[in-house]
Amino acid sequence: MKTLKTTMLFAIILLLIPMISNAQSNQAFWIHADQVKPSITAEYEKVSKDFIAACAKHDLKDADWTTAQMDDGTYLSLTPLNNMADLDKNTLAPLAEKMGNENFSAIFGRFNKCYDKQAIIFWY
């Protein structure tokens, strides 16, 4: 039952994306979903804030995403795609270069401790 609720909520969000973003009806998205452990939600949000601060500090450009939180603890990062070639771009590579691979990996290591499941979805 919980899976059905999650699936339905996820489907509704995906259907609303074009209306929310004023995108054309054929706008494609790359969606990253993290199912955060309930006991570590505060840590996940702290790491997210640290990540955003690092992006601002190192002036990350050409990276555009929106994050949404669902009631079941799933966090969605939605990135619009202009074309299929966008899937080949690593928009975080300049950040890793500027802050150093060790610091960059440390942030994502902190993220990885907060969930057991994640999914990547392509939506067109």
PDB file of N, CA and C in Angstrom:
ATOM      1  N   MET A   1       0.821  -1.187   0.000  1.00  0.00           N
ATOM      2  CA  MET A   1       0.000   0.000   0.000  1.00  0.00           C
ATOM      3  C   MET A   1       0.870   1.257   0.000  1.00  0.00           C
ATOM      4  N   LYS A   2       1.940   1.226   0.798  1.00  0.00           N
ATOM      5  CA  LYS A   2       2.835   2.379   0.864  1.00  0.00           C
ATOM      6  C   LYS A   2       3.502   2.609  -0.495  1.00  0.00           C
ATOM      7  N   THR A   3       3.865   1.516  -1.174  1.00  0.00           N
ATOM      8  CA  THR A   3       4.483   1.628  -2.493  1.00  0.00           C
ATOM      9  C   THR A   3       3.503   2.241  -3.480  1.00  0.00           C
ATOM     10  N   LEU A   4       2.239   1.861  -3.388  1.00  0.00           N
ATOM     11  CA  LEU A   4       1.221   2.409  -4.280  1.00  0.00           C
ATOM     12  C   LEU A   4       1.050   3.905  -4.048  1.00  0.00           C
ATOM     13  N   LYS A   5       1.013   4.329  -2.779  1.00  0.00           N
ATOM     14  CA  LYS A   5       0.892   5.753  -2.464  1.00  0.00           C
ATOM     15  C   LYS A   5       2.099   6.524  -3.004  1.00  0.00           C
ATOM     16  N   THR A   6       3.281   5.979  -2.785  1.00  0.00           N
ATOM     17  CA  THR A   6       4.500   6.626  -3.265  1.00  0.00           C
ATOM     18  C   THR A   6       4.491   6.733  -4.775  1.00  0.00           C
ATOM     19  N   THR A   7       4.109   5.675  -5.451  1.00  0.00           N
ATOM     20  CA  THR A   7       4.074   5.663  -6.911  1.00  0.00           C
ATOM     21  C   THR A   7       3.064   6.675  -7.433  1.00  0.00           C
ATOM     22  N   MET A   8       1.900   6.721  -6.810  1.00  0.00           N
ATOM     23  CA  MET A   8       0.876   7.670  -7.245  1.00  0.00           C
ATOM     24  C   MET A   8       1.333   9.114  -7.027  1.00  0.00           C
ATOM     25  N   LEU A   9       1.915   9.398  -5.872  1.00  0.00           N
ATOM     26  CA  LEU A   9       2.395  10.744  -5.591  1.00  0.00           C
ATOM     27  C   LEU A   9       3.496  11.133  -6.571  1.00  0.00           C
ATOM     28  N   PHE A  10       4.393  10.203  -6.835  1.00  0.00           N
ATOM     29  CA  PHE A  10       5.484  10.442  -7.778  1.00  0.00           C
ATOM     30  C   PHE A  10       4.926  10.727  -9.167  1.00  0.00           C
ATOM     31  N   ALA A  11       3.924   9.967  -9.589  1.00  0.00           N
ATOM     32  CA  ALA A  11       3.314  10.168 -10.907  1.00  0.00           C
ATOM     33  C   ALA A  11       2.644  11.532 -10.989  1.00  0.00           C
ATOM     34  N   ILE A  12       1.976  11.938  -9.929  1.00  0.00           N
ATOM     35  CA  ILE A  12       1.318  13.249  -9.917  1.00  0.00           C
ATOM     36  C   ILE A  12       2.349  14.367 -10.022  1.00  0.00           C
ATOM     37  N   ILE A  13       3.437  14.241  -9.274  1.00  0.00           N
ATOM     38  CA  ILE A  13       4.495  15.253  -9.335  1.00  0.00           C
ATOM     39  C   ILE A  13       5.041  15.357 -10.751  1.00  0.00           C
ATOM     40  N   LEU A  14       5.280  14.223 -11.370  1.00  0.00           N
ATOM     41  CA  LEU A  14       5.832  14.234 -12.722  1.00  0.00           C
ATOM     42  C   LEU A  14       4.860  14.848 -13.726  1.00  0.00           C
ATOM     43  N   LEU A  15       3.572  14.639 -13.518  1.00  0.00           N
ATOM     44  CA  LEU A  15       2.590  15.230 -14.409  1.00  0.00           C
ATOM     45  C   LEU A  15       2.483  16.740 -14.218  1.00  0.00           C
ATOM     46  N   LEU A  16       2.789  17.215 -13.026  1.00  0.00           N
ATOM     47  CA  LEU A  16       2.695  18.645 -12.743  1.00  0.00           C
ATOM     48  C   LEU A  16       3.944  19.422 -13.140  1.00  0.00           C
ATOM     49  N   ILE A  17       5.042  18.744 -13.357  1.00  0.00           N
ATOM     50  CA  ILE A  17       6.303  19.425 -13.659  1.00  0.00           C
ATOM     51  C   ILE A  17       6.184  20.389 -14.836  1.00  0.00           C
ATOM     52  N   PRO A  18       5.607  19.989 -15.966  1.00  0.00           N
ATOM     53  CA  PRO A  18       5.522  20.943 -17.077  1.00  0.00           C
ATOM     54  C   PRO A  18       4.720  22.194 -16.734  1.00  0.00           C
ATOM     55  N   MET A  19       3.668  22.044 -15.951  1.00  0.00           N
ATOM     56  CA  MET A  19       2.875  23.215 -15.577  1.00  0.00           C
ATOM     57  C   MET A  19       3.638  24.117 -14.620  1.00  0.00           C
ATOM     58  N   ILE A  20       4.361  23.523 -13.687  1.00  0.00           N
ATOM     59  CA  ILE A  20       5.104  24.299 -12.700  1.00  0.00           C
ATOM     60  C   ILE A  20       6.250  25.054 -13.354  1.00  0.00           C
ATOM     61  N   SER A  21       6.949  24.423 -14.249  1.00  0.00           N
ATOM     62  CA  SER A  21       8.135  25.037 -14.848  1.00  0.00           C
ATOM     63  C   SER A  21       7.844  25.801 -16.135  1.00  0.00           C
ATOM     64  N   ASN A  22       6.558  25.846 -16.551  1.00  0.00           N
ATOM     65  CA  ASN A  22       6.177  26.491 -17.806  1.00  0.00           C
ATOM     66  C   ASN A  22       6.954  25.910 -18.974  1.00  0.00           C
ATOM     67  N   ALA A  23       7.304  24.644 -18.874  1.00  0.00           N
ATOM     68  CA  ALA A  23       8.066  23.985 -19.930  1.00  0.00           C
ATOM     69  C   ALA A  23       7.128  23.547 -21.048  1.00  0.00           C
ATOM     70  N   GLN A  24       7.713  23.301 -22.194  1.00  0.00           N
ATOM     71  CA  GLN A  24       6.927  22.753 -23.289  1.00  0.00           C
ATOM     72  C   GLN A  24       6.483  21.357 -22.892  1.00  0.00           C
ATOM     73  N   SER A  25       5.485  20.870 -23.579  1.00  0.00           N
ATOM     74  CA  SER A  25       4.949  19.562 -23.220  1.00  0.00           C
ATOM     75  C   SER A  25       5.948  18.434 -23.477  1.00  0.00           C
ATOM     76  N   ASN A  26       6.996  18.698 -24.236  1.00  0.00           N
ATOM     77  CA  ASN A  26       7.986  17.653 -24.511  1.00  0.00           C
ATOM     78  C   ASN A  26       9.289  17.873 -23.738  1.00  0.00           C
ATOM     79  N   GLN A  27       9.237  18.606 -22.645  1.00  0.00           N
ATOM     80  CA  GLN A  27      10.428  18.836 -21.808  1.00  0.00           C
ATOM     81  C   GLN A  27      10.851  17.521 -21.155  1.00  0.00           C
ATOM     82  N   ALA A  28      12.111  17.191 -21.261  1.00  0.00           N
ATOM     83  CA  ALA A  28      12.648  15.991 -20.640  1.00  0.00           C
ATOM     84  C   ALA A  28      13.327  16.357 -19.328  1.00  0.00           C
ATOM     85  N   PHE A  29      13.327  15.413 -18.382  1.00  0.00           N
ATOM     86  CA  PHE A  29      13.940  15.615 -17.078  1.00  0.00           C
ATOM     87  C   PHE A  29      14.756  14.408 -16.678  1.00  0.00           C
ATOM     88  N   TRP A  30      15.822  14.671 -15.964  1.00  0.00           N
ATOM     89  CA  TRP A  30      16.613  13.654 -15.289  1.00  0.00           C
ATOM     90  C   TRP A  30      16.225  13.779 -13.822  1.00  0.00           C
ATOM     91  N   ILE A  31      15.759  12.681 -13.229  1.00  0.00           N
ATOM     92  CA  ILE A  31      15.275  12.722 -11.857  1.00  0.00           C
ATOM     93  C   ILE A  31      16.101  11.764 -11.010  1.00  0.00           C
ATOM     94  N   HIS A  32      16.623  12.294  -9.929  1.00  0.00           N
ATOM     95  CA  HIS A  32      17.396  11.492  -8.977  1.00  0.00           C
ATOM     96  C   HIS A  32      16.577  11.429  -7.695  1.00  0.00           C
ATOM     97  N   ALA A  33      16.262  10.226  -7.240  1.00  0.00           N
ATOM     98  CA  ALA A  33      15.446  10.050  -6.035  1.00  0.00           C
ATOM     99  C   ALA A  33      16.266   9.361  -4.949  1.00  0.00           C
ATOM    100  N   ASP A  34      16.345   9.989  -3.775  1.00  0.00           N
ATOM    101  CA  ASP A  34      16.995   9.413  -2.601  1.00  0.00           C
ATOM    102  C   ASP A  34      15.925   9.083  -1.574  1.00  0.00           C
ATOM    103  N   GLN A  35      15.848   7.817  -1.172  1.00  0.00           N
ATOM    104  CA  GLN A  35      14.916   7.419  -0.114  1.00  0.00           C
ATOM    105  C   GLN A  35      15.671   7.487   1.203  1.00  0.00           C
ATOM    106  N   VAL A  36      15.560   8.632   1.873  1.00  0.00           N
ATOM    107  CA  VAL A  36      16.343   8.930   3.069  1.00  0.00           C
ATOM    108  C   VAL A  36      15.779   8.176   4.280  1.00  0.00           C
ATOM    109  N   LYS A  37      16.701   7.647   5.079  1.00  0.00           N
ATOM    110  CA  LYS A  37      16.307   6.974   6.314  1.00  0.00           C
ATOM    111  C   LYS A  37      15.671   8.004   7.247  1.00  0.00           C
ATOM    112  N   PRO A  38      14.501   7.690   7.833  1.00  0.00           N
ATOM    113  CA  PRO A  38      13.813   8.669   8.681  1.00  0.00           C
ATOM    114  C   PRO A  38      14.662   9.202   9.833  1.00  0.00           C
ATOM    115  N   SER A  39      15.496   8.374  10.409  1.00  0.00           N
ATOM    116  CA  SER A  39      16.296   8.807  11.555  1.00  0.00           C
ATOM    117  C   SER A  39      17.444   9.743  11.164  1.00  0.00           C
ATOM    118  N   ILE A  40      17.709   9.870   9.870  1.00  0.00           N
ATOM    119  CA  ILE A  40      18.856  10.661   9.421  1.00  0.00           C
ATOM    120  C   ILE A  40      18.419  11.818   8.515  1.00  0.00           C
ATOM    121  N   THR A  41      17.151  12.153   8.506  1.00  0.00           N
ATOM    122  CA  THR A  41      16.647  13.226   7.655  1.00  0.00           C
ATOM    123  C   THR A  41      17.354  14.548   7.940  1.00  0.00           C
ATOM    124  N   ALA A  42      17.535  14.870   9.207  1.00  0.00           N
ATOM    125  CA  ALA A  42      18.192  16.142   9.562  1.00  0.00           C
ATOM    126  C   ALA A  42      19.618  16.192   9.015  1.00  0.00           C
ATOM    127  N   GLU A  43      20.332  15.070   9.084  1.00  0.00           N
ATOM    128  CA  GLU A  43      21.701  15.017   8.559  1.00  0.00           C
ATOM    129  C   GLU A  43      21.699  15.189   7.038  1.00  0.00           C
ATOM    130  N   TYR A  44      20.738  14.542   6.361  1.00  0.00           N
ATOM    131  CA  TYR A  44      20.632  14.669   4.908  1.00  0.00           C
ATOM    132  C   TYR A  44      20.409  16.130   4.519  1.00  0.00           C
ATOM    133  N   GLU A  45      19.529  16.806   5.240  1.00  0.00           N
ATOM    134  CA  GLU A  45      19.254  18.212   4.943  1.00  0.00           C
ATOM    135  C   GLU A  45      20.465  19.093   5.239  1.00  0.00           C
ATOM    136  N   LYS A  46      21.231  18.758   6.267  1.00  0.00           N
ATOM    137  CA  LYS A  46      22.466  19.506   6.564  1.00  0.00           C
ATOM    138  C   LYS A  46      23.488  19.322   5.445  1.00  0.00           C
ATOM    139  N   VAL A  47      23.647  18.095   4.997  1.00  0.00           N
ATOM    140  CA  VAL A  47      24.582  17.828   3.893  1.00  0.00           C
ATOM    141  C   VAL A  47      24.121  18.566   2.636  1.00  0.00           C
ATOM    142  N   SER A  48      22.816  18.598   2.393  1.00  0.00           N
ATOM    143  CA  SER A  48      22.280  19.310   1.232  1.00  0.00           C
ATOM    144  C   SER A  48      22.626  20.793   1.306  1.00  0.00           C
ATOM    145  N   LYS A  49      22.474  21.381   2.492  1.00  0.00           N
ATOM    146  CA  LYS A  49      22.824  22.792   2.664  1.00  0.00           C
ATOM    147  C   LYS A  49      24.318  23.021   2.472  1.00  0.00           C
ATOM    148  N   ASP A  50      25.138  22.102   2.972  1.00  0.00           N
ATOM    149  CA  ASP A  50      26.587  22.206   2.776  1.00  0.00           C
ATOM    150  C   ASP A  50      26.947  22.100   1.294  1.00  0.00           C
ATOM    151  N   PHE A  51      26.246  21.217   0.578  1.00  0.00           N
ATOM    152  CA  PHE A  51      26.486  21.049  -0.854  1.00  0.00           C
ATOM    153  C   PHE A  51      26.122  22.329  -1.614  1.00  0.00           C
ATOM    154  N   ILE A  52      24.976  22.912  -1.287  1.00  0.00           N
ATOM    155  CA  ILE A  52      24.556  24.156  -1.935  1.00  0.00           C
ATOM    156  C   ILE A  52      25.551  25.276  -1.623  1.00  0.00           C
ATOM    157  N   ALA A  53      26.027  25.322  -0.380  1.00  0.00           N
ATOM    158  CA  ALA A  53      27.030  26.335   0.001  1.00  0.00           C
ATOM    159  C   ALA A  53      28.317  26.152  -0.807  1.00  0.00           C
ATOM    160  N   ALA A  54      28.727  24.900  -1.012  1.00  0.00           N
ATOM    161  CA  ALA A  54      29.931  24.623  -1.811  1.00  0.00           C
ATOM    162  C   ALA A  54      29.716  25.047  -3.261  1.00  0.00           C
ATOM    163  N   CYS A  55      28.526  24.818  -3.794  1.00  0.00           N
ATOM    164  CA  CYS A  55      28.222  25.238  -5.164  1.00  0.00           C
ATOM    165  C   CYS A  55      28.319  26.758  -5.291  1.00  0.00           C
ATOM    166  N   ALA A  56      27.792  27.474  -4.299  1.00  0.00           N
ATOM    167  CA  ALA A  56      27.838  28.942  -4.326  1.00  0.00           C
ATOM    168  C   ALA A  56      29.271  29.446  -4.138  1.00  0.00           C
ATOM    169  N   LYS A  57      29.980  28.845  -3.187  1.00  0.00           N
ATOM    170  CA  LYS A  57      31.352  29.273  -2.898  1.00  0.00           C
ATOM    171  C   LYS A  57      32.261  29.110  -4.117  1.00  0.00           C
ATOM    172  N   HIS A  58      32.099  28.013  -4.829  1.00  0.00           N
ATOM    173  CA  HIS A  58      32.965  27.714  -5.968  1.00  0.00           C
ATOM    174  C   HIS A  58      32.340  28.125  -7.299  1.00  0.00           C
ATOM    175  N   ASP A  59      31.249  28.899  -7.218  1.00  0.00           N
ATOM    176  CA  ASP A  59      30.612  29.486  -8.393  1.00  0.00           C
ATOM    177  C   ASP A  59      30.313  28.445  -9.480  1.00  0.00           C
ATOM    178  N   LEU A  60      29.592  27.395  -9.090  1.00  0.00           N
ATOM    179  CA  LEU A  60      29.218  26.352 -10.041  1.00  0.00           C
ATOM    180  C   LEU A  60      28.239  26.919 -11.063  1.00  0.00           C
ATOM    181  N   LYS A  61      28.558  26.749 -12.318  1.00  0.00           N
ATOM    182  CA  LYS A  61      27.706  27.228 -13.408  1.00  0.00           C
ATOM    183  C   LYS A  61      27.199  26.025 -14.201  1.00  0.00           C
ATOM    184  N   ASP A  62      26.183  26.259 -14.993  1.00  0.00           N
ATOM    185  CA  ASP A  62      25.620  25.233 -15.889  1.00  0.00           C
ATOM    186  C   ASP A  62      25.047  24.037 -15.150  1.00  0.00           C
ATOM    187  N   ALA A  63      24.697  24.197 -13.901  1.00  0.00           N
ATOM    188  CA  ALA A  63      24.011  23.146 -13.158  1.00  0.00           C
ATOM    189  C   ALA A  63      22.690  23.734 -12.686  1.00  0.00           C
ATOM    190  N   ASP A  64      21.597  23.085 -13.044  1.00  0.00           N
ATOM    191  CA  ASP A  64      20.276  23.613 -12.729  1.00  0.00           C
ATOM    192  C   ASP A  64      19.401  22.454 -12.272  1.00  0.00           C
ATOM    193  N   TRP A  65      18.876  22.536 -11.056  1.00  0.00           N
ATOM    194  CA  TRP A  65      17.995  21.494 -10.570  1.00  0.00           C
ATOM    195  C   TRP A  65      17.042  22.074  -9.543  1.00  0.00           C
ATOM    196  N   THR A  66      15.969  21.349  -9.314  1.00  0.00           N
ATOM    197  CA  THR A  66      14.989  21.671  -8.294  1.00  0.00           C
ATOM    198  C   THR A  66      14.859  20.448  -7.411  1.00  0.00           C
ATOM    199  N   THR A  67      14.734  20.673  -6.121  1.00  0.00           N
ATOM    200  CA  THR A  67      14.609  19.556  -5.190  1.00  0.00           C
ATOM    201  C   THR A  67      13.232  19.591  -4.539  1.00  0.00           C
ATOM    202  N   ALA A  68      12.635  18.421  -4.405  1.00  0.00           N
ATOM    203  CA  ALA A  68      11.336  18.285  -3.750  1.00  0.00           C
ATOM    204  C   ALA A  68      11.423  17.154  -2.733  1.00  0.00           C
ATOM    205  N   GLN A  69      10.680  17.315  -1.641  1.00  0.00           N
ATOM    206  CA  GLN A  69      10.623  16.279  -0.610  1.00  0.00           C
ATOM    207  C   GLN A  69       9.226  15.684  -0.609  1.00  0.00           C
ATOM    208  N   MET A  70       9.152  14.359  -0.581  1.00  0.00           N
ATOM    209  CA  MET A  70       7.872  13.672  -0.508  1.00  0.00           C
ATOM    210  C   MET A  70       7.617  13.254   0.939  1.00  0.00           C
ATOM    211  N   ASP A  71       6.372  12.955   1.253  1.00  0.00           N
ATOM    212  CA  ASP A  71       5.987  12.593   2.617  1.00  0.00           C
ATOM    213  C   ASP A  71       6.662  11.332   3.133  1.00  0.00           C
ATOM    214  N   ASP A  72       7.090  10.461   2.247  1.00  0.00           N
ATOM    215  CA  ASP A  72       7.689   9.201   2.687  1.00  0.00           C
ATOM    216  C   ASP A  72       9.199   9.299   2.890  1.00  0.00           C
ATOM    217  N   GLY A  73       9.751  10.528   2.856  1.00  0.00           N
ATOM    218  CA  GLY A  73      11.183  10.709   3.076  1.00  0.00           C
ATOM    219  C   GLY A  73      12.018  10.644   1.815  1.00  0.00           C
ATOM    220  N   THR A  74      11.368  10.563   0.678  1.00  0.00           N
ATOM    221  CA  THR A  74      12.086  10.563  -0.590  1.00  0.00           C
ATOM    222  C   THR A  74      12.355  11.998  -1.016  1.00  0.00           C
ATOM    223  N   TYR A  75      13.588  12.271  -1.406  1.00  0.00           N
ATOM    224  CA  TYR A  75      13.977  13.576  -1.918  1.00  0.00           C
ATOM    225  C   TYR A  75      14.243  13.426  -3.409  1.00  0.00           C
ATOM    226  N   LEU A  76      13.613  14.279  -4.201  1.00  0.00           N
ATOM    227  CA  LEU A  76      13.752  14.235  -5.650  1.00  0.00           C
ATOM    228  C   LEU A  76      14.561  15.436  -6.114  1.00  0.00           C
ATOM    229  N   SER A  77      15.541  15.196  -6.942  1.00  0.00           N
ATOM    230  CA  SER A  77      16.281  16.266  -7.613  1.00  0.00           C
ATOM    231  C   SER A  77      15.922  16.196  -9.079  1.00  0.00           C
ATOM    232  N   LEU A  78      15.289  17.251  -9.580  1.00  0.00           N
ATOM    233  CA  LEU A  78      14.788  17.281 -10.949  1.00  0.00           C
ATOM    234  C   LEU A  78      15.643  18.235 -11.778  1.00  0.00           C
ATOM    235  N   THR A  79      16.225  17.717 -12.846  1.00  0.00           N
ATOM    236  CA  THR A  79      17.091  18.508 -13.717  1.00  0.00           C
ATOM    237  C   THR A  79      16.503  18.513 -15.125  1.00  0.00           C
ATOM    238  N   PRO A  80      16.180  19.694 -15.664  1.00  0.00           N
ATOM    239  CA  PRO A  80      15.671  19.742 -17.038  1.00  0.00           C
ATOM    240  C   PRO A  80      16.775  19.405 -18.037  1.00  0.00           C
ATOM    241  N   LEU A  81      16.394  18.707 -19.089  1.00  0.00           N
ATOM    242  CA  LEU A  81      17.333  18.345 -20.152  1.00  0.00           C
ATOM    243  C   LEU A  81      16.926  19.059 -21.430  1.00  0.00           C
ATOM    244  N   ASN A  82      17.881  19.722 -22.063  1.00  0.00           N
ATOM    245  CA  ASN A  82      17.602  20.388 -23.329  1.00  0.00           C
ATOM    246  C   ASN A  82      17.607  19.402 -24.488  1.00  0.00           C
ATOM    247  N   ASN A  83      18.487  18.399 -24.383  1.00  0.00           N
ATOM    248  CA  ASN A  83      18.582  17.369 -25.406  1.00  0.00           C
ATOM    249  C   ASN A  83      19.272  16.152 -24.795  1.00  0.00           C
ATOM    250  N   MET A  84      19.339  15.094 -25.544  1.00  0.00           N
ATOM    251  CA  MET A  84      19.919  13.848 -25.017  1.00  0.00           C
ATOM    252  C   MET A  84      21.411  13.991 -24.705  1.00  0.00           C
ATOM    253  N   ALA A  85      22.084  14.889 -25.352  1.00  0.00           N
ATOM    254  CA  ALA A  85      23.519  15.103 -25.098  1.00  0.00           C
ATOM    255  C   ALA A  85      23.756  15.603 -23.678  1.00  0.00           C
ATOM    256  N   ASP A  86      22.744  16.225 -23.058  1.00  0.00           N
ATOM    257  CA  ASP A  86      22.884  16.677 -21.670  1.00  0.00           C
ATOM    258  C   ASP A  86      23.156  15.518 -20.716  1.00  0.00           C
ATOM    259  N   LEU A  87      22.719  14.319 -21.079  1.00  0.00           N
ATOM    260  CA  LEU A  87      22.960  13.149 -20.231  1.00  0.00           C
ATOM    261  C   LEU A  87      24.442  12.783 -20.170  1.00  0.00           C
ATOM    262  N   ASP A  88      25.195  13.196 -21.184  1.00  0.00           N
ATOM    263  CA  ASP A  88      26.627  12.893 -21.236  1.00  0.00           C
ATOM    264  C   ASP A  88      27.479  13.891 -20.457  1.00  0.00           C
ATOM    265  N   LYS A  89      26.889  15.017 -20.078  1.00  0.00           N
ATOM    266  CA  LYS A  89      27.640  16.072 -19.386  1.00  0.00           C
ATOM    267  C   LYS A  89      27.668  15.809 -17.886  1.00  0.00           C
ATOM    268  N   ASN A  90      28.815  16.006 -17.305  1.00  0.00           N
ATOM    269  CA  ASN A  90      28.950  15.953 -15.847  1.00  0.00           C
ATOM    270  C   ASN A  90      29.014  17.400 -15.370  1.00  0.00           C
ATOM    271  N   THR A  91      27.857  17.948 -15.015  1.00  0.00           N
ATOM    272  CA  THR A  91      27.799  19.357 -14.629  1.00  0.00           C
ATOM    273  C   THR A  91      28.457  19.624 -13.283  1.00  0.00           C
ATOM    274  N   LEU A  92      28.773  18.569 -12.530  1.00  0.00           N
ATOM    275  CA  LEU A  92      29.433  18.739 -11.233  1.00  0.00           C
ATOM    276  C   LEU A  92      30.955  18.621 -11.335  1.00  0.00           C
ATOM    277  N   ALA A  93      31.473  18.283 -12.504  1.00  0.00           N
ATOM    278  CA  ALA A  93      32.922  18.147 -12.670  1.00  0.00           C
ATOM    279  C   ALA A  93      33.680  19.430 -12.322  1.00  0.00           C
ATOM    280  N   PRO A  94      33.194  20.614 -12.734  1.00  0.00           N
ATOM    281  CA  PRO A  94      33.921  21.830 -12.345  1.00  0.00           C
ATOM    282  C   PRO A  94      33.955  22.030 -10.820  1.00  0.00           C
ATOM    283  N   LEU A  95      32.898  21.631 -10.139  1.00  0.00           N
ATOM    284  CA  LEU A  95      32.875  21.747  -8.683  1.00  0.00           C
ATOM    285  C   LEU A  95      33.924  20.822  -8.062  1.00  0.00           C
ATOM    286  N   ALA A  96      33.989  19.589  -8.543  1.00  0.00           N
ATOM    287  CA  ALA A  96      34.976  18.641  -8.028  1.00  0.00           C
ATOM    288  C   ALA A  96      36.398  19.156  -8.262  1.00  0.00           C
ATOM    289  N   GLU A  97      36.608  19.762  -9.410  1.00  0.00           N
ATOM    290  CA  GLU A  97      37.928  20.298  -9.736  1.00  0.00           C
ATOM    291  C   GLU A  97      38.302  21.469  -8.816  1.00  0.00           C
ATOM    292  N   LYS A  98      37.339  22.367  -8.594  1.00  0.00           N
ATOM    293  CA  LYS A  98      37.614  23.557  -7.790  1.00  0.00           C
ATOM    294  C   LYS A  98      37.787  23.250  -6.308  1.00  0.00           C
ATOM    295  N   MET A  99      36.987  22.335  -5.791  1.00  0.00           N
ATOM    296  CA  MET A  99      37.073  22.069  -4.351  1.00  0.00           C
ATOM    297  C   MET A  99      37.975  20.890  -4.038  1.00  0.00           C
ATOM    298  N   GLY A 100      38.425  20.184  -5.057  1.00  0.00           N
ATOM    299  CA  GLY A 100      39.291  19.028  -4.869  1.00  0.00           C
ATOM    300  C   GLY A 100      38.470  17.753  -4.754  1.00  0.00           C
ATOM    301  N   ASN A 101      38.959  16.706  -5.380  1.00  0.00           N
ATOM    302  CA  ASN A 101      38.222  15.443  -5.405  1.00  0.00           C
ATOM    303  C   ASN A 101      37.981  14.873  -4.015  1.00  0.00           C
ATOM    304  N   GLU A 102      38.923  15.077  -3.103  1.00  0.00           N
ATOM    305  CA  GLU A 102      38.766  14.539  -1.750  1.00  0.00           C
ATOM    306  C   GLU A 102      37.594  15.207  -1.023  1.00  0.00           C
ATOM    307  N   ASN A 103      37.515  16.530  -1.067  1.00  0.00           N
ATOM    308  CA  ASN A 103      36.412  17.254  -0.423  1.00  0.00           C
ATOM    309  C   ASN A 103      35.082  16.964  -1.115  1.00  0.00           C
ATOM    310  N   PHE A 104      35.119  16.891  -2.440  1.00  0.00           N
ATOM    311  CA  PHE A 104      33.915  16.584  -3.216  1.00  0.00           C
ATOM    312  C   PHE A 104      33.393  15.194  -2.846  1.00  0.00           C
ATOM    313  N   SER A 105      34.283  14.220  -2.790  1.00  0.00           N
ATOM    314  CA  SER A 105      33.890  12.854  -2.429  1.00  0.00           C
ATOM    315  C   SER A 105      33.388  12.780  -0.999  1.00  0.00           C
ATOM    316  N   ALA A 106      33.946  13.598  -0.126  1.00  0.00           N
ATOM    317  CA  ALA A 106      33.517  13.598   1.275  1.00  0.00           C
ATOM    318  C   ALA A 106      32.056  14.032   1.403  1.00  0.00           C
ATOM    319  N   ILE A 107      31.647  15.033   0.639  1.00  0.00           N
ATOM    320  CA  ILE A 107      30.247  15.469   0.694  1.00  0.00           C
ATOM    321  C   ILE A 107      29.334  14.340   0.240  1.00  0.00           C
ATOM    322  N   PHE A 108      29.674  13.696  -0.864  1.00  0.00           N
ATOM    323  CA  PHE A 108      28.816  12.625  -1.357  1.00  0.00           C
ATOM    324  C   PHE A 108      28.901  11.381  -0.479  1.00  0.00           C
ATOM    325  N   GLY A 109      30.000  11.197   0.222  1.00  0.00           N
ATOM    326  CA  GLY A 109      30.088  10.123   1.217  1.00  0.00           C
ATOM    327  C   GLY A 109      29.106  10.367   2.351  1.00  0.00           C
ATOM    328  N   ARG A 110      28.963  11.632   2.741  1.00  0.00           N
ATOM    329  CA  ARG A 110      27.983  11.985   3.781  1.00  0.00           C
ATOM    330  C   ARG A 110      26.561  11.749   3.280  1.00  0.00           C
ATOM    331  N   PHE A 111      26.304  12.080   2.019  1.00  0.00           N
ATOM    332  CA  PHE A 111      24.986  11.803   1.431  1.00  0.00           C
ATOM    333  C   PHE A 111      24.706  10.300   1.454  1.00  0.00           C
ATOM    334  N   ASN A 112      25.685   9.502   1.046  1.00  0.00           N
ATOM    335  CA  ASN A 112      25.487   8.055   0.921  1.00  0.00           C
ATOM    336  C   ASN A 112      25.124   7.375   2.232  1.00  0.00           C
ATOM    337  N   LYS A 113      25.522   7.949   3.353  1.00  0.00           N
ATOM    338  CA  LYS A 113      25.194   7.375   4.654  1.00  0.00           C
ATOM    339  C   LYS A 113      23.725   7.571   5.013  1.00  0.00           C
ATOM    340  N   CYS A 114      23.044   8.435   4.297  1.00  0.00           N
ATOM    341  CA  CYS A 114      21.673   8.816   4.656  1.00  0.00           C
ATOM    342  C   CYS A 114      20.591   7.977   3.986  1.00  0.00           C
ATOM    343  N   TYR A 115      20.956   7.110   3.083  1.00  0.00           N
ATOM    344  CA  TYR A 115      19.938   6.305   2.399  1.00  0.00           C
ATOM    345  C   TYR A 115      20.508   4.957   1.988  1.00  0.00           C
ATOM    346  N   ASP A 116      19.577   4.012   1.834  1.00  0.00           N
ATOM    347  CA  ASP A 116      19.938   2.693   1.325  1.00  0.00           C
ATOM    348  C   ASP A 116      19.535   2.540  -0.135  1.00  0.00           C
ATOM    349  N   LYS A 117      18.521   3.305  -0.550  1.00  0.00           N
ATOM    350  CA  LYS A 117      17.994   3.191  -1.907  1.00  0.00           C
ATOM    351  C   LYS A 117      18.006   4.551  -2.588  1.00  0.00           C
ATOM    352  N   GLN A 118      18.330   4.509  -3.867  1.00  0.00           N
ATOM    353  CA  GLN A 118      18.210   5.690  -4.708  1.00  0.00           C
ATOM    354  C   GLN A 118      17.863   5.222  -6.109  1.00  0.00           C
ATOM    355  N   ALA A 119      17.315   6.120  -6.883  1.00  0.00           N
ATOM    356  CA  ALA A 119      16.917   5.768  -8.245  1.00  0.00           C
ATOM    357  C   ALA A 119      17.194   6.945  -9.165  1.00  0.00           C
ATOM    358  N   ILE A 120      17.488   6.637 -10.404  1.00  0.00           N
ATOM    359  CA  ILE A 120      17.656   7.656 -11.422  1.00  0.00           C
ATOM    360  C   ILE A 120      16.647   7.341 -12.514  1.00  0.00           C
ATOM    361  N   ILE A 121      15.891   8.355 -12.887  1.00  0.00           N
ATOM    362  CA  ILE A 121      14.787   8.177 -13.827  1.00  0.00           C
ATOM    363  C   ILE A 121      14.932   9.220 -14.925  1.00  0.00           C
ATOM    364  N   PHE A 122      14.674   8.810 -16.139  1.00  0.00           N
ATOM    365  CA  PHE A 122      14.623   9.749 -17.256  1.00  0.00           C
ATOM    366  C   PHE A 122      13.154   9.921 -17.604  1.00  0.00           C
ATOM    367  N   TRP A 123      12.672  11.149 -17.614  1.00  0.00           N
ATOM    368  CA  TRP A 123      11.256  11.424 -17.895  1.00  0.00           C
ATOM    369  C   TRP A 123      11.142  12.331 -19.096  1.00  0.00           C
ATOM    370  N   TYR A 124      10.346  11.902 -20.060  1.00  0.00           N
ATOM    371  CA  TYR A 124      10.128  12.710 -21.258  1.00  0.00           C
ATOM    372  C   TYR A 124       8.663  12.928 -21.459  1.00  0.00           C
TER     373      TYR A 124
END
